[in-house]
C-alpha atoms as a PDB file:
ATOM      1  CA  MET A   1       3.567  88.470  12.555  1.00  0.00           C
ATOM      2  CA  GLN A   2       5.326  87.873   9.359  1.00  0.00           C
ATOM      3  CA  ILE A   3       7.612  85.390  11.118  1.00  0.00           C
ATOM      4  CA  ILE A   4       4.556  83.446  12.319  1.00  0.00           C
ATOM      5  CA  LEU A   5       3.336  83.337   8.763  1.00  0.00           C
ATOM      6  CA  TYR A   6       6.709  81.992   7.520  1.00  0.00           C
ATOM      7  CA  LEU A   7       6.840  79.460  10.335  1.00  0.00           C
ATOM      8  CA  SER A   8       3.302  78.350   9.568  1.00  0.00           C
ATOM      9  CA  VAL A   9       4.124  77.940   5.877  1.00  0.00           C
ATOM     10  CA  ALA A  10       7.335  76.040   6.781  1.00  0.00           C
ATOM     11  CA  LEU A  11       5.362  73.804   9.156  1.00  0.00           C
ATOM     12  CA  ILE A  12       2.752  73.160   6.463  1.00  0.00           C
ATOM     13  CA  ALA A  13       5.529  72.343   3.957  1.00  0.00           C
ATOM     14  CA  ILE A  14       7.158  69.902   6.384  1.00  0.00           C
ATOM     15  CA  ALA A  15       3.798  68.251   7.116  1.00  0.00           C
ATOM     16  CA  PHE A  16       3.090  68.014   3.389  1.00  0.00           C
ATOM     17  CA  PHE A  17       6.582  66.519   2.829  1.00  0.00           C
ATOM     18  CA  VAL A  18       5.984  63.889   5.546  1.00  0.00           C
ATOM     19  CA  LEU A  19       2.568  63.153   4.046  1.00  0.00           C
ATOM     20  CA  VAL A  20       4.107  62.709   0.563  1.00  0.00           C
ATOM     21  CA  ILE A  21       6.795  60.345   1.933  1.00  0.00           C
ATOM     22  CA  PHE A  22       4.145  58.307   3.808  1.00  0.00           C
ATOM     23  CA  LEU A  23       1.905  58.110   0.722  1.00  0.00           C
ATOM     24  CA  SER A  24       4.881  57.180  -1.475  1.00  0.00           C
ATOM     25  CA  THR A  25       5.831  54.313   0.867  1.00  0.00           C
ATOM     26  CA  THR A  26       2.232  53.116   1.029  1.00  0.00           C
ATOM     27  CA  LEU A  27       1.819  53.236  -2.747  1.00  0.00           C
ATOM     28  CA  LYS A  28       5.070  51.285  -3.316  1.00  0.00           C
ATOM     29  CA  SER A  29       3.898  48.615  -0.868  1.00  0.00           C
ATOM     30  CA  PHE A  30       0.534  48.529  -2.627  1.00  0.00           C
ATOM     31  CA  GLN A  31       2.321  48.180  -5.992  1.00  0.00           C
ATOM     32  CA  VAL A  32       4.326  45.163  -4.731  1.00  0.00           C
ATOM     33  CA  THR A  33       1.125  43.558  -3.454  1.00  0.00           C
ATOM     34  CA  LEU A  34      -0.678  44.139  -6.756  1.00  0.00           C
ATOM     35  CA  THR A  35       2.278  42.680  -8.701  1.00  0.00           C
ATOM     36  CA  SER A  36       2.188  39.558  -6.529  1.00  0.00           C
ATOM     37  CA  VAL A  37      -1.574  39.215  -7.010  1.00  0.00           C
ATOM     38  CA  SER A  38      -1.124  39.619 -10.776  1.00  0.00           C
ATOM     39  CA  LYS A  39       1.480  36.842 -10.902  1.00  0.00           C
ATOM     40  CA  THR A  40      -0.737  34.577  -8.792  1.00  0.00           C
ATOM     41  CA  LEU A  41      -3.704  35.165 -11.092  1.00  0.00           C
ATOM     42  CA  ALA A  42      -1.562  34.410 -14.163  1.00  0.00           C
ATOM     43  CA  GLY A  43      -0.489  31.107 -12.580  1.00  0.00           C
ATOM     44  CA  LEU A  44      -4.085  30.250 -11.703  1.00  0.00           C
ATOM     45  CA  GLU A  45      -5.149  30.981 -15.272  1.00  0.00           C
ATOM     46  CA  LYS A  46      -2.532  28.541 -16.620  1.00  0.00           C
ATOM     47  CA  GLN A  47      -3.619  25.887 -14.121  1.00  0.00           C
ATOM     48  CA  LEU A  48      -7.265  26.402 -15.023  1.00  0.00           C
ATOM     49  CA  ASP A  49      -6.426  25.945 -18.701  1.00  0.00           C
ATOM     50  CA  GLY A  50      -4.693  22.647 -17.860  1.00  0.00           C
ATOM     51  CA  VAL A  51      -7.626  21.448 -15.754  1.00  0.00           C
ATOM     52  CA  THR A  52     -10.072  22.361 -18.517  1.00  0.00           C
ATOM     53  CA  ALA A  53      -8.087  20.358 -21.076  1.00  0.00           C
ATOM     54  CA  GLU A  54      -7.839  17.350 -18.750  1.00  0.00           C
ATOM     55  CA  THR A  55     -11.555  17.559 -17.989  1.00  0.00           C
ATOM     56  CA  THR A  56     -12.353  17.504 -21.698  1.00  0.00           C
ATOM     57  CA  ILE A  57     -10.162  14.432 -22.243  1.00  0.00           C
ATOM     58  CA  LEU A  58     -11.706  12.711 -19.212  1.00  0.00           C
ATOM     59  CA  LEU A  59     -15.209  13.408 -20.505  1.00  0.00           C
ATOM     60  CA  GLN A  60     -14.318  11.918 -23.903  1.00  0.00           C
ATOM     61  CA  LYS A  61     -12.885   8.796 -22.253  1.00  0.00           C
ATOM     62  CA  THR A  62     -15.961   8.473 -20.050  1.00  0.00           C
ATOM     63  CA  ASN A  63     -18.252   8.604 -23.081  1.00  0.00           C
ATOM     64  CA  ALA A  64     -16.159   5.982 -24.879  1.00  0.00           C
ATOM     65  CA  LEU A  65     -16.254   3.767 -21.782  1.00  0.00           C
ATOM     66  CA  ALA A  66     -20.035   4.127 -21.515  1.00  0.00           C
ATOM     67  CA  ASP A  67     -20.419   3.058 -25.161  1.00  0.00           C
ATOM     68  CA  ASP A  68     -18.115   0.074 -24.593  1.00  0.00           C
ATOM     69  CA  LEU A  69     -20.072  -1.001 -21.509  1.00  0.00           C
ATOM     70  CA  LYS A  70     -23.321  -0.794 -23.427  1.00  0.00           C
ATOM     71  CA  GLN A  71     -21.999  -3.077 -26.181  1.00  0.00           C
ATOM     72  CA  LYS A  72     -20.595  -5.573 -23.715  1.00  0.00           C
ATOM     73  CA  SER A  73     -23.774  -5.737 -21.681  1.00  0.00           C
ATOM     74  CA  GLU A  74     -25.723  -6.502 -24.857  1.00  0.00           C
ATOM     75  CA  SER A  75     -23.372  -9.383 -25.682  1.00  0.00           C
ATOM     76  CA  LEU A  76     -23.546 -10.699 -22.135  1.00  0.00           C
ATOM     77  CA  THR A  77     -26.713 -12.695 -22.772  1.00  0.00           C
ATOM     78  CA  SER A  78     -24.883 -15.497 -24.562  1.00  0.00           C
ATOM     79  CA  VAL A  79     -22.345 -15.623 -21.736  1.00  0.00           C
ATOM     80  CA  VAL A  80     -25.118 -16.047 -19.164  1.00  0.00           C
ATOM     81  CA  GLU A  81     -26.500 -19.034 -21.054  1.00  0.00           C
ATOM     82  CA  ALA A  82     -23.025 -20.593 -21.220  1.00  0.00           C
ATOM     83  CA  VAL A  83     -22.632 -20.073 -17.466  1.00  0.00           C
ATOM     84  CA  LYS A  84     -25.850 -21.986 -16.865  1.00  0.00           C
ATOM     85  CA  ASP A  85     -24.383 -24.958 -18.753  1.00  0.00           C
ATOM     86  CA  VAL A  86     -21.155 -24.669 -16.760  1.00  0.00           C
ATOM     87  CA  GLY A  87     -23.211 -24.661 -13.553  1.00  0.00           C
ATOM     88  CA  THR A  88     -24.793 -27.974 -14.497  1.00  0.00           C
ATOM     89  CA  THR A  89     -21.389 -29.463 -15.275  1.00  0.00           C
ATOM     90  CA  VAL A  90     -19.947 -28.196 -11.989  1.00  0.00           C
ATOM     91  CA  THR A  91     -22.817 -29.767 -10.072  1.00  0.00           C
ATOM     92  CA  LYS A  92     -22.096 -33.147 -11.647  1.00  0.00           C
ATOM     93  CA  PHE A  93     -18.371 -32.739 -11.026  1.00  0.00           C
ATOM     94  CA  ASN A  94     -19.072 -31.842  -7.398  1.00  0.00           C
ATOM     95  CA  GLY A  95     -20.971 -35.089  -6.920  1.00  0.00           C
ATOM     96  CA  THR A  96     -18.052 -37.047  -8.353  1.00  0.00           C
ATOM     97  CA  LEU A  97     -15.611 -35.220  -6.051  1.00  0.00           C
ATOM     98  CA  GLN A  98     -17.753 -36.042  -3.034  1.00  0.00           C
ATOM     99  CA  ASN A  99     -17.627 -39.729  -3.929  1.00  0.00           C
ATOM    100  CA  ILE A 100     -13.835 -39.595  -4.312  1.00  0.00           C
ATOM    101  CA  THR A 101     -13.486 -37.754  -0.998  1.00  0.00           C
ATOM    102  CA  LYS A 102     -15.518 -40.385   0.793  1.00  0.00           C
ATOM    103  CA  SER A 103     -13.313 -43.102  -0.674  1.00  0.00           C
ATOM    104  CA  VAL A 104     -10.104 -41.305   0.365  1.00  0.00           C
ATOM    105  CA  ASP A 105     -11.473 -40.697   3.875  1.00  0.00           C
ATOM    106  CA  LYS A 106     -12.215 -44.393   4.202  1.00  0.00           C
ATOM    107  CA  GLN A 107      -8.681 -45.376   3.125  1.00  0.00           C
ATOM    108  CA  VAL A 108      -7.109 -42.846   5.520  1.00  0.00           C
ATOM    109  CA  GLU A 109      -9.196 -44.202   8.387  1.00  0.00           C
ATOM    110  CA  GLU A 110      -8.016 -47.722   7.591  1.00  0.00           C
ATOM    111  CA  SER A 111      -4.372 -46.567   7.438  1.00  0.00           C
ATOM    112  CA  LYS A 112      -4.392 -44.679  10.764  1.00  0.00           C
ATOM    113  CA  GLU A 113      -3.456 -47.738  12.800  1.00  0.00           C
ATOM    114  CA  LYS A 114      -0.527 -48.603  10.524  1.00  0.00           C
ATOM    115  CA  ILE A 115       0.773 -45.031  10.680  1.00  0.00           C
ATOM    116  CA  SER A 116       0.479 -45.046  14.460  1.00  0.00           C
ATOM    117  CA  GLN A 117       2.568 -48.229  14.659  1.00  0.00           C
ATOM    118  CA  ILE A 118       5.230 -46.755  12.355  1.00  0.00           C
ATOM    119  CA  VAL A 119       5.476 -43.656  14.558  1.00  0.00           C
ATOM    120  CA  GLN A 120       5.814 -45.804  17.698  1.00  0.00           C
ATOM    121  CA  TRP A 121       8.606 -47.900  16.144  1.00  0.00           C
ATOM    122  CA  SER A 122      10.367 -44.749  14.989  1.00  0.00           C
ATOM    123  CA  ASN A 123      10.293 -43.392  18.545  1.00  0.00           C
ATOM    124  CA  VAL A 124      11.711 -46.682  19.915  1.00  0.00           C
ATOM    125  CA  ILE A 125      14.546 -46.623  17.347  1.00  0.00           C
ATOM    126  CA  LEU A 126      15.365 -42.987  18.177  1.00  0.00           C
ATOM    127  CA  GLU A 127      15.485 -43.772  21.908  1.00  0.00           C
ATOM    128  CA  LEU A 128      17.808 -46.751  21.294  1.00  0.00           C
ATOM    129  CA  LYS A 129      20.079 -44.587  19.173  1.00  0.00           C
ATOM    130  CA  ASP A 130      20.253 -41.901  21.890  1.00  0.00           C
ATOM    131  CA  LYS A 131      21.068 -44.509  24.573  1.00  0.00           C
ATOM    132  CA  TRP A 132      23.763 -46.080  22.399  1.00  0.00           C
ATOM    133  CA  GLN A 133      25.369 -42.661  21.772  1.00  0.00           C
ATOM    134  CA  ALA A 134      25.233 -41.837  25.499  1.00  0.00           C
ATOM    135  CA  ARG A 135      26.873 -45.178  26.362  1.00  0.00           C
ATOM    136  CA  LYS A 136      29.538 -44.609  23.710  1.00  0.00           C
ATOM    137  CA  GLN A 137      30.258 -41.118  25.026  1.00  0.00           C
ATOM    138  CA  ALA A 138      30.474 -42.432  28.612  1.00  0.00           C
ATOM    139  CA  LYS A 139      33.041 -45.072  27.476  1.00  0.00           C
ATOM    140  CA  ASN A 140      35.080 -42.380  25.738  1.00  0.00           C
ATOM    141  CA  GLU A 141      35.082 -40.252  28.872  1.00  0.00           C
ATOM    142  CA  ILE A 142      36.177 -43.214  31.036  1.00  0.00           C
ATOM    143  CA  ASN A 143      38.994 -43.991  28.569  1.00  0.00           C
ATOM    144  CA  LEU A 144      40.139 -40.373  28.590  1.00  0.00           C
ATOM    145  CA  GLU A 145      40.161 -40.255  32.399  1.00  0.00           C
ATOM    146  CA  GLY A 146      42.181 -43.481  32.539  1.00  0.00           C
ATOM    147  CA  LYS A 147      44.771 -42.053  30.151  1.00  0.00           C
ATOM    148  CA  LYS A 148      45.039 -38.854  32.214  1.00  0.00           C
ATOM    149  CA  ILE A 149      45.612 -40.825  35.432  1.00  0.00           C
ATOM    150  CA  ARG A 150      48.360 -42.944  33.796  1.00  0.00           C
ATOM    151  CA  SER A 151      50.139 -39.921  32.339  1.00  0.00           C
ATOM    152  CA  HIS A 152      50.387 -38.153  35.755  1.00  0.00           C
END
């Protein structure tokens, strides 16, 4: 019976030893995970500080832009009046341009027939040139063939 007691105690010691090894492994793994989480949180904190600073700068720029827009919109009234005057001038200028366009259209219409004749004469000249070159080439070929026959 004493042997059973020793064996039981030995079995309990071995089980406890296995349990301690398992817990040690688990705790080391947990420690690595917690270290990684800690580093991640430190990085996020730095990024959040950067975003906060940029947000503050952006807010300041937005306020300055809003003030600038307010001042410019107040001074826009005089520009609107000047644009009205420009509109009147443009209307008068447009009428003048229409008159000029009508005059140019009339001259182009009158010149169409002359241009057509020039194009026709140009085509005739080009055809004559092509025929002359073809005739010249044919003469050269006949001369070459005659020389070949004499040399044989």
